[in-house]
PDB file of N, CA and C in Angstrom:
ATOM      1  N   MET A   1      68.467-157.648-133.400  1.00  0.00           N
ATOM      2  CA  MET A   1      68.357-156.674-132.341  1.00  0.00           C
ATOM      3  C   MET A   1      68.824-157.315-131.034  1.00  0.00           C
ATOM      4  N   GLU A   2      69.642-156.594-130.307  1.00  0.00           N
ATOM      5  CA  GLU A   2      70.169-157.094-129.043  1.00  0.00           C
ATOM      6  C   GLU A   2      69.292-156.659-127.879  1.00  0.00           C
ATOM      7  N   ALA A   3      69.289-157.477-126.854  1.00  0.00           N
ATOM      8  CA  ALA A   3      68.546-157.120-125.640  1.00  0.00           C
ATOM      9  C   ALA A   3      69.263-155.989-124.916  1.00  0.00           C
ATOM     10  N   THR A   4      68.493-155.180-124.213  1.00  0.00           N
ATOM     11  CA  THR A   4      69.062-154.094-123.423  1.00  0.00           C
ATOM     12  C   THR A   4      69.453-154.612-122.048  1.00  0.00           C
ATOM     13  N   VAL A   5      70.588-154.189-121.572  1.00  0.00           N
ATOM     14  CA  VAL A   5      71.100-154.590-120.268  1.00  0.00           C
ATOM     15  C   VAL A   5      70.592-153.603-119.213  1.00  0.00           C
ATOM     16  N   CYS A   6      70.205-154.114-118.041  1.00  0.00           N
ATOM     17  CA  CYS A   6      69.762-153.229-116.957  1.00  0.00           C
ATOM     18  C   CYS A   6      70.833-152.186-116.672  1.00  0.00           C
ATOM     19  N   GLY A   7      70.396-150.944-116.516  1.00  0.00           N
ATOM     20  CA  GLY A   7      71.304-149.846-116.255  1.00  0.00           C
ATOM     21  C   GLY A   7      71.800-149.148-117.508  1.00  0.00           C
ATOM     22  N   GLU A   8      71.570-149.756-118.678  1.00  0.00           N
ATOM     23  CA  GLU A   8      71.989-149.163-119.944  1.00  0.00           C
ATOM     24  C   GLU A   8      71.038-148.032-120.332  1.00  0.00           C
ATOM     25  N   ALA A   9      71.556-146.983-120.938  1.00  0.00           N
ATOM     26  CA  ALA A   9      70.737-145.844-121.366  1.00  0.00           C
ATOM     27  C   ALA A   9      69.739-146.284-122.429  1.00  0.00           C
ATOM     28  N   VAL A  10      68.500-145.794-122.311  1.00  0.00           N
ATOM     29  CA  VAL A  10      67.448-146.028-123.296  1.00  0.00           C
ATOM     30  C   VAL A  10      67.311-144.728-124.083  1.00  0.00           C
ATOM     31  N   LEU A  11      67.467-144.809-125.406  1.00  0.00           N
ATOM     32  CA  LEU A  11      67.520-143.627-126.252  1.00  0.00           C
ATOM     33  C   LEU A  11      66.208-143.385-126.983  1.00  0.00           C
ATOM     34  N   ALA A  12      65.884-142.116-127.195  1.00  0.00           N
ATOM     35  CA  ALA A  12      64.674-141.741-127.924  1.00  0.00           C
ATOM     36  C   ALA A  12      64.802-142.144-129.387  1.00  0.00           C
ATOM     37  N   ALA A  13      63.771-142.782-129.913  1.00  0.00           N
ATOM     38  CA  ALA A  13      63.771-143.216-131.308  1.00  0.00           C
ATOM     39  C   ALA A  13      63.517-142.055-132.268  1.00  0.00           C
ATOM     40  N   GLU A  14      62.912-140.967-131.748  1.00  0.00           N
ATOM     41  CA  GLU A  14      62.649-139.792-132.566  1.00  0.00           C
ATOM     42  C   GLU A  14      62.462-138.578-131.666  1.00  0.00           C
ATOM     43  N   ASP A  15      62.413-137.403-132.267  1.00  0.00           N
ATOM     44  CA  ASP A  15      62.117-136.185-131.514  1.00  0.00           C
ATOM     45  C   ASP A  15      60.686-136.271-130.991  1.00  0.00           C
ATOM     46  N   GLY A  16      60.429-135.683-129.828  1.00  0.00           N
ATOM     47  CA  GLY A  16      59.064-135.680-129.336  1.00  0.00           C
ATOM     48  C   GLY A  16      58.892-134.972-128.010  1.00  0.00           C
ATOM     49  N   LEU A  17      57.643-134.735-127.689  1.00  0.00           N
ATOM     50  CA  LEU A  17      57.240-134.126-126.436  1.00  0.00           C
ATOM     51  C   LEU A  17      56.879-135.230-125.453  1.00  0.00           C
ATOM     52  N   VAL A  18      57.380-135.145-124.231  1.00  0.00           N
ATOM     53  CA  VAL A  18      57.012-136.126-123.202  1.00  0.00           C
ATOM     54  C   VAL A  18      55.565-135.826-122.794  1.00  0.00           C
ATOM     55  N   THR A  19      54.648-136.704-123.186  1.00  0.00           N
ATOM     56  CA  THR A  19      53.234-136.494-122.892  1.00  0.00           C
ATOM     57  C   THR A  19      52.762-137.309-121.696  1.00  0.00           C
ATOM     58  N   GLU A  20      53.539-138.309-121.302  1.00  0.00           N
ATOM     59  CA  GLU A  20      53.252-139.082-120.095  1.00  0.00           C
ATOM     60  C   GLU A  20      54.567-139.496-119.466  1.00  0.00           C
ATOM     61  N   SER A  21      54.564-139.550-118.149  1.00  0.00           N
ATOM     62  CA  SER A  21      55.713-140.043-117.405  1.00  0.00           C
ATOM     63  C   SER A  21      55.163-140.655-116.128  1.00  0.00           C
ATOM     64  N   GLY A  22      55.454-141.913-115.896  1.00  0.00           N
ATOM     65  CA  GLY A  22      54.886-142.591-114.741  1.00  0.00           C
ATOM     66  C   GLY A  22      55.929-143.273-113.889  1.00  0.00           C
ATOM     67  N   THR A  23      55.528-143.571-112.678  1.00  0.00           N
ATOM     68  CA  THR A  23      56.404-144.251-111.729  1.00  0.00           C
ATOM     69  C   THR A  23      55.756-145.565-111.302  1.00  0.00           C
ATOM     70  N   PRO A  24      56.554-146.488-110.770  1.00  0.00           N
ATOM     71  CA  PRO A  24      56.003-147.767-110.333  1.00  0.00           C
ATOM     72  C   PRO A  24      54.940-147.630-109.239  1.00  0.00           C
ATOM     73  N   GLU A  25      54.964-146.522-108.497  1.00  0.00           N
ATOM     74  CA  GLU A  25      53.987-146.335-107.425  1.00  0.00           C
ATOM     75  C   GLU A  25      52.588-146.062-107.977  1.00  0.00           C
ATOM     76  N   MET A  26      52.517-145.590-109.228  1.00  0.00           N
ATOM     77  CA  MET A  26      51.225-145.311-109.863  1.00  0.00           C
ATOM     78  C   MET A  26      50.689-146.606-110.466  1.00  0.00           C
ATOM     79  N   TRP A  27      49.360-146.717-110.535  1.00  0.00           N
ATOM     80  CA  TRP A  27      48.808-147.869-111.268  1.00  0.00           C
ATOM     81  C   TRP A  27      48.861-147.502-112.734  1.00  0.00           C
ATOM     82  N   ASN A  28      49.697-148.163-113.480  1.00  0.00           N
ATOM     83  CA  ASN A  28      49.873-147.832-114.895  1.00  0.00           C
ATOM     84  C   ASN A  28      49.939-149.089-115.751  1.00  0.00           C
ATOM     85  N   ASP A  29      49.046-150.042-115.460  1.00  0.00           N
ATOM     86  CA  ASP A  29      48.952-151.286-116.228  1.00  0.00           C
ATOM     87  C   ASP A  29      50.249-152.081-116.245  1.00  0.00           C
ATOM     88  N   GLY A  30      51.015-151.995-115.173  1.00  0.00           N
ATOM     89  CA  GLY A  30      52.238-152.788-115.067  1.00  0.00           C
ATOM     90  C   GLY A  30      53.404-152.273-115.888  1.00  0.00           C
ATOM     91  N   LEU A  31      53.331-151.020-116.338  1.00  0.00           N
ATOM     92  CA  LEU A  31      54.417-150.469-117.152  1.00  0.00           C
ATOM     93  C   LEU A  31      55.660-150.162-116.343  1.00  0.00           C
ATOM     94  N   GLY A  32      55.509-150.064-115.025  1.00  0.00           N
ATOM     95  CA  GLY A  32      56.633-149.656-114.193  1.00  0.00           C
ATOM     96  C   GLY A  32      56.947-148.194-114.441  1.00  0.00           C
ATOM     97  N   GLU A  33      58.190-147.825-114.274  1.00  0.00           N
ATOM     98  CA  GLU A  33      58.608-146.454-114.579  1.00  0.00           C
ATOM     99  C   GLU A  33      58.648-146.330-116.107  1.00  0.00           C
ATOM    100  N   TYR A  34      58.004-145.297-116.651  1.00  0.00           N
ATOM    101  CA  TYR A  34      57.920-145.199-118.108  1.00  0.00           C
ATOM    102  C   TYR A  34      57.846-143.753-118.586  1.00  0.00           C
ATOM    103  N   ILE A  35      58.095-143.592-119.884  1.00  0.00           N
ATOM    104  CA  ILE A  35      57.958-142.309-120.576  1.00  0.00           C
ATOM    105  C   ILE A  35      57.230-142.580-121.892  1.00  0.00           C
ATOM    106  N   GLU A  36      56.293-141.691-122.228  1.00  0.00           N
ATOM    107  CA  GLU A  36      55.637-141.757-123.529  1.00  0.00           C
ATOM    108  C   GLU A  36      55.903-140.454-124.265  1.00  0.00           C
ATOM    109  N   LEU A  37      56.354-140.576-125.519  1.00  0.00           N
ATOM    110  CA  LEU A  37      56.639-139.408-126.352  1.00  0.00           C
ATOM    111  C   LEU A  37      55.601-139.295-127.456  1.00  0.00           C
ATOM    112  N   THR A  38      55.203-138.074-127.768  1.00  0.00           N
ATOM    113  CA  THR A  38      54.377-137.823-128.940  1.00  0.00           C
ATOM    114  C   THR A  38      55.254-137.060-129.921  1.00  0.00           C
ATOM    115  N   GLY A  39      55.452-137.680-131.075  1.00  0.00           N
ATOM    116  CA  GLY A  39      56.329-137.108-132.078  1.00  0.00           C
ATOM    117  C   GLY A  39      55.565-136.437-133.201  1.00  0.00           C
ATOM    118  N   LEU A  40      56.257-136.228-134.282  1.00  0.00           N
ATOM    119  CA  LEU A  40      55.713-135.598-135.465  1.00  0.00           C
ATOM    120  C   LEU A  40      54.470-136.353-135.947  1.00  0.00           C
ATOM    121  N   PHE A  41      53.454-135.641-136.315  1.00  0.00           N
ATOM    122  CA  PHE A  41      52.195-136.197-136.815  1.00  0.00           C
ATOM    123  C   PHE A  41      51.461-137.030-135.778  1.00  0.00           C
ATOM    124  N   GLY A  42      51.778-136.857-134.502  1.00  0.00           N
ATOM    125  CA  GLY A  42      51.035-137.516-133.431  1.00  0.00           C
ATOM    126  C   GLY A  42      51.423-138.952-133.130  1.00  0.00           C
ATOM    127  N   LYS A  43      52.486-139.473-133.745  1.00  0.00           N
ATOM    128  CA  LYS A  43      52.916-140.848-133.451  1.00  0.00           C
ATOM    129  C   LYS A  43      53.441-140.908-132.022  1.00  0.00           C
ATOM    130  N   LYS A  44      52.972-141.902-131.260  1.00  0.00           N
ATOM    131  CA  LYS A  44      53.374-142.046-129.859  1.00  0.00           C
ATOM    132  C   LYS A  44      54.251-143.272-129.685  1.00  0.00           C
ATOM    133  N   THR A  45      55.334-143.091-128.936  1.00  0.00           N
ATOM    134  CA  THR A  45      56.211-144.206-128.592  1.00  0.00           C
ATOM    135  C   THR A  45      56.322-144.270-127.071  1.00  0.00           C
ATOM    136  N   ARG A  46      56.322-145.485-126.537  1.00  0.00           N
ATOM    137  CA  ARG A  46      56.371-145.676-125.086  1.00  0.00           C
ATOM    138  C   ARG A  46      57.591-146.508-124.719  1.00  0.00           C
ATOM    139  N   TYR A  47      58.284-146.056-123.685  1.00  0.00           N
ATOM    140  CA  TYR A  47      59.481-146.714-123.170  1.00  0.00           C
ATOM    141  C   TYR A  47      59.172-147.077-121.725  1.00  0.00           C
ATOM    142  N   SER A  48      59.024-148.356-121.440  1.00  0.00           N
ATOM    143  CA  SER A  48      58.599-148.766-120.097  1.00  0.00           C
ATOM    144  C   SER A  48      59.611-149.695-119.440  1.00  0.00           C
ATOM    145  N   ARG A  49      59.286-150.075-118.194  1.00  0.00           N
ATOM    146  CA  ARG A  49      60.124-150.952-117.380  1.00  0.00           C
ATOM    147  C   ARG A  49      61.489-150.338-117.109  1.00  0.00           C
ATOM    148  N   LEU A  50      61.526-149.000-116.997  1.00  0.00           N
ATOM    149  CA  LEU A  50      62.791-148.305-116.764  1.00  0.00           C
ATOM    150  C   LEU A  50      63.175-148.330-115.288  1.00  0.00           C
ATOM    151  N   GLU A  51      64.456-148.216-115.036  1.00  0.00           N
ATOM    152  CA  GLU A  51      64.976-148.102-113.675  1.00  0.00           C
ATOM    153  C   GLU A  51      64.837-146.663-113.189  1.00  0.00           C
ATOM    154  N   LYS A  52      65.062-145.729-114.106  1.00  0.00           N
ATOM    155  CA  LYS A  52      64.998-144.310-113.781  1.00  0.00           C
ATOM    156  C   LYS A  52      64.701-143.536-115.056  1.00  0.00           C
ATOM    157  N   THR A  53      63.857-142.499-114.944  1.00  0.00           N
ATOM    158  CA  THR A  53      63.593-141.620-116.082  1.00  0.00           C
ATOM    159  C   THR A  53      64.337-140.300-115.877  1.00  0.00           C
ATOM    160  N   LEU A  54      64.698-139.656-116.975  1.00  0.00           N
ATOM    161  CA  LEU A  54      65.465-138.421-116.912  1.00  0.00           C
ATOM    162  C   LEU A  54      64.645-137.188-117.308  1.00  0.00           C
ATOM    163  N   PHE A  55      63.411-137.398-117.755  1.00  0.00           N
ATOM    164  CA  PHE A  55      62.563-136.296-118.183  1.00  0.00           C
ATOM    165  C   PHE A  55      61.189-136.405-117.543  1.00  0.00           C
ATOM    166  N   LYS A  56      60.465-135.279-117.545  1.00  0.00           N
ATOM    167  CA  LYS A  56      59.108-135.268-116.992  1.00  0.00           C
ATOM    168  C   LYS A  56      58.141-134.765-118.058  1.00  0.00           C
ATOM    169  N   LYS A  57      56.860-134.927-117.790  1.00  0.00           N
ATOM    170  CA  LYS A  57      55.814-134.488-118.708  1.00  0.00           C
ATOM    171  C   LYS A  57      56.041-133.018-119.075  1.00  0.00           C
ATOM    172  N   GLY A  58      55.943-132.729-120.380  1.00  0.00           N
ATOM    173  CA  GLY A  58      56.130-131.363-120.868  1.00  0.00           C
ATOM    174  C   GLY A  58      57.518-131.089-121.432  1.00  0.00           C
ATOM    175  N   ASP A  59      58.480-131.957-121.130  1.00  0.00           N
ATOM    176  CA  ASP A  59      59.834-131.785-121.673  1.00  0.00           C
ATOM    177  C   ASP A  59      59.862-132.188-123.149  1.00  0.00           C
ATOM    178  N   TYR A  60      60.763-131.584-123.911  1.00  0.00           N
ATOM    179  CA  TYR A  60      60.957-131.940-125.317  1.00  0.00           C
ATOM    180  C   TYR A  60      62.305-132.628-125.447  1.00  0.00           C
ATOM    181  N   VAL A  61      62.324-133.751-126.156  1.00  0.00           N
ATOM    182  CA  VAL A  61      63.573-134.500-126.341  1.00  0.00           C
ATOM    183  C   VAL A  61      63.864-134.678-127.829  1.00  0.00           C
ATOM    184  N   LYS A  62      65.127-134.838-128.141  1.00  0.00           N
ATOM    185  CA  LYS A  62      65.576-135.047-129.515  1.00  0.00           C
ATOM    186  C   LYS A  62      65.979-136.510-129.692  1.00  0.00           C
ATOM    187  N   LYS A  63      65.856-136.987-130.911  1.00  0.00           N
ATOM    188  CA  LYS A  63      66.240-138.350-131.261  1.00  0.00           C
ATOM    189  C   LYS A  63      67.654-138.635-130.761  1.00  0.00           C
ATOM    190  N   GLY A  64      67.829-139.789-130.118  1.00  0.00           N
ATOM    191  CA  GLY A  64      69.143-140.205-129.636  1.00  0.00           C
ATOM    192  C   GLY A  64      69.471-139.780-128.218  1.00  0.00           C
ATOM    193  N   MET A  65      68.644-138.883-127.635  1.00  0.00           N
ATOM    194  CA  MET A  65      68.886-138.469-126.243  1.00  0.00           C
ATOM    195  C   MET A  65      68.516-139.615-125.299  1.00  0.00           C
ATOM    196  N   ALA A  66      69.250-139.745-124.202  1.00  0.00           N
ATOM    197  CA  ALA A  66      68.928-140.751-123.189  1.00  0.00           C
ATOM    198  C   ALA A  66      67.668-140.312-122.439  1.00  0.00           C
ATOM    199  N   LEU A  67      66.658-141.183-122.441  1.00  0.00           N
ATOM    200  CA  LEU A  67      65.393-140.916-121.738  1.00  0.00           C
ATOM    201  C   LEU A  67      65.428-141.411-120.301  1.00  0.00           C
ATOM    202  N   GLY A  68      66.247-142.406-120.071  1.00  0.00           N
ATOM    203  CA  GLY A  68      66.345-143.028-118.763  1.00  0.00           C
ATOM    204  C   GLY A  68      67.242-144.247-118.873  1.00  0.00           C
ATOM    205  N   TYR A  69      67.114-145.129-117.891  1.00  0.00           N
ATOM    206  CA  TYR A  69      67.952-146.320-117.844  1.00  0.00           C
ATOM    207  C   TYR A  69      67.090-147.570-117.757  1.00  0.00           C
ATOM    208  N   ALA A  70      67.475-148.590-118.519  1.00  0.00           N
ATOM    209  CA  ALA A  70      66.732-149.844-118.541  1.00  0.00           C
ATOM    210  C   ALA A  70      66.714-150.468-117.150  1.00  0.00           C
ATOM    211  N   GLY A  71      65.588-151.078-116.819  1.00  0.00           N
ATOM    212  CA  GLY A  71      65.466-151.696-115.502  1.00  0.00           C
ATOM    213  C   GLY A  71      64.489-152.850-115.512  1.00  0.00           C
ATOM    214  N   ARG A  72      63.991-153.166-114.336  1.00  0.00           N
ATOM    215  CA  ARG A  72      63.071-154.293-114.173  1.00  0.00           C
ATOM    216  C   ARG A  72      61.766-153.865-113.520  1.00  0.00           C
ATOM    217  N   SER A  73      61.459-152.559-113.547  1.00  0.00           N
ATOM    218  CA  SER A  73      60.203-152.118-112.939  1.00  0.00           C
ATOM    219  C   SER A  73      59.049-152.593-113.818  1.00  0.00           C
ATOM    220  N   GLY A  74      57.894-152.760-113.231  1.00  0.00           N
ATOM    221  CA  GLY A  74      56.711-153.156-113.995  1.00  0.00           C
ATOM    222  C   GLY A  74      56.607-154.654-114.222  1.00  0.00           C
ATOM    223  N   ASP A  75      55.630-155.014-115.012  1.00  0.00           N
ATOM    224  CA  ASP A  75      55.294-156.401-115.325  1.00  0.00           C
ATOM    225  C   ASP A  75      56.170-156.892-116.470  1.00  0.00           C
ATOM    226  N   ALA A  76      56.790-158.043-116.292  1.00  0.00           N
ATOM    227  CA  ALA A  76      57.682-158.592-117.310  1.00  0.00           C
ATOM    228  C   ALA A  76      56.948-158.914-118.612  1.00  0.00           C
ATOM    229  N   ASN A  77      55.610-158.980-118.584  1.00  0.00           N
ATOM    230  CA  ASN A  77      54.851-159.260-119.801  1.00  0.00           C
ATOM    231  C   ASN A  77      54.703-158.028-120.700  1.00  0.00           C
ATOM    232  N   ASN A  78      55.019-156.847-120.197  1.00  0.00           N
ATOM    233  CA  ASN A  78      54.930-155.631-121.006  1.00  0.00           C
ATOM    234  C   ASN A  78      56.181-155.461-121.847  1.00  0.00           C
ATOM    235  N   MET A  79      55.978-155.012-123.087  1.00  0.00           N
ATOM    236  CA  MET A  79      57.107-154.736-123.972  1.00  0.00           C
ATOM    237  C   MET A  79      57.797-153.457-123.515  1.00  0.00           C
ATOM    238  N   PRO A  80      59.119-153.422-123.444  1.00  0.00           N
ATOM    239  CA  PRO A  80      59.811-152.225-122.983  1.00  0.00           C
ATOM    240  C   PRO A  80      59.760-151.072-123.982  1.00  0.00           C
ATOM    241  N   PHE A  81      59.500-151.339-125.257  1.00  0.00           N
ATOM    242  CA  PHE A  81      59.358-150.278-126.252  1.00  0.00           C
ATOM    243  C   PHE A  81      58.213-150.641-127.174  1.00  0.00           C
ATOM    244  N   CYS A  82      57.331-149.694-127.437  1.00  0.00           N
ATOM    245  CA  CYS A  82      56.278-149.939-128.418  1.00  0.00           C
ATOM    246  C   CYS A  82      55.784-148.632-129.008  1.00  0.00           C
ATOM    247  N   VAL A  83      55.245-148.739-130.222  1.00  0.00           N
ATOM    248  CA  VAL A  83      54.553-147.615-130.842  1.00  0.00           C
ATOM    249  C   VAL A  83      53.117-147.752-130.400  1.00  0.00           C
ATOM    250  N   VAL A  84      52.621-146.760-129.669  1.00  0.00           N
ATOM    251  CA  VAL A  84      51.315-146.829-129.039  1.00  0.00           C
ATOM    252  C   VAL A  84      50.199-146.536-130.029  1.00  0.00           C
ATOM    253  N   GLY A  85      50.382-145.593-130.889  1.00  0.00           N
ATOM    254  CA  GLY A  85      49.344-145.249-131.849  1.00  0.00           C
ATOM    255  C   GLY A  85      49.595-143.889-132.440  1.00  0.00           C
ATOM    256  N   LYS A  86      48.665-143.484-133.281  1.00  0.00           N
ATOM    257  CA  LYS A  86      48.773-142.208-133.966  1.00  0.00           C
ATOM    258  C   LYS A  86      47.531-141.388-133.660  1.00  0.00           C
ATOM    259  N   ASN A  87      47.734-140.167-133.237  1.00  0.00           N
ATOM    260  CA  ASN A  87      46.631-139.265-132.934  1.00  0.00           C
ATOM    261  C   ASN A  87      45.937-138.867-134.232  1.00  0.00           C
ATOM    262  N   ALA A  88      44.619-138.942-134.241  1.00  0.00           N
ATOM    263  CA  ALA A  88      43.846-138.633-135.463  1.00  0.00           C
ATOM    264  C   ALA A  88      43.807-137.146-135.778  1.00  0.00           C
ATOM    265  N   ASP A  89      44.134-136.303-134.787  1.00  0.00           N
ATOM    266  CA  ASP A  89      44.080-134.847-135.027  1.00  0.00           C
ATOM    267  C   ASP A  89      45.193-134.433-135.919  1.00  0.00           C
TER     268      ASP A  89
END
């Protein structure tokens, strides 16, 4: 797997609803600018440390769509992509 270059488009790993969208001005555990998607069966994926996001909470995105652009916002100790968990409902 190659590292993402700042300014490069960050693509959705799957279809999903944007359930969270944050900015560096918010206290969000050092995630910086980020988007969290809830996909099929409640699986959540988070894309953080973005330079800019292209969607807001409530938007629906399809796999492969650009969610935003890679950047350096947030704490460097946070992973820029992670599977957050699965909703039990």
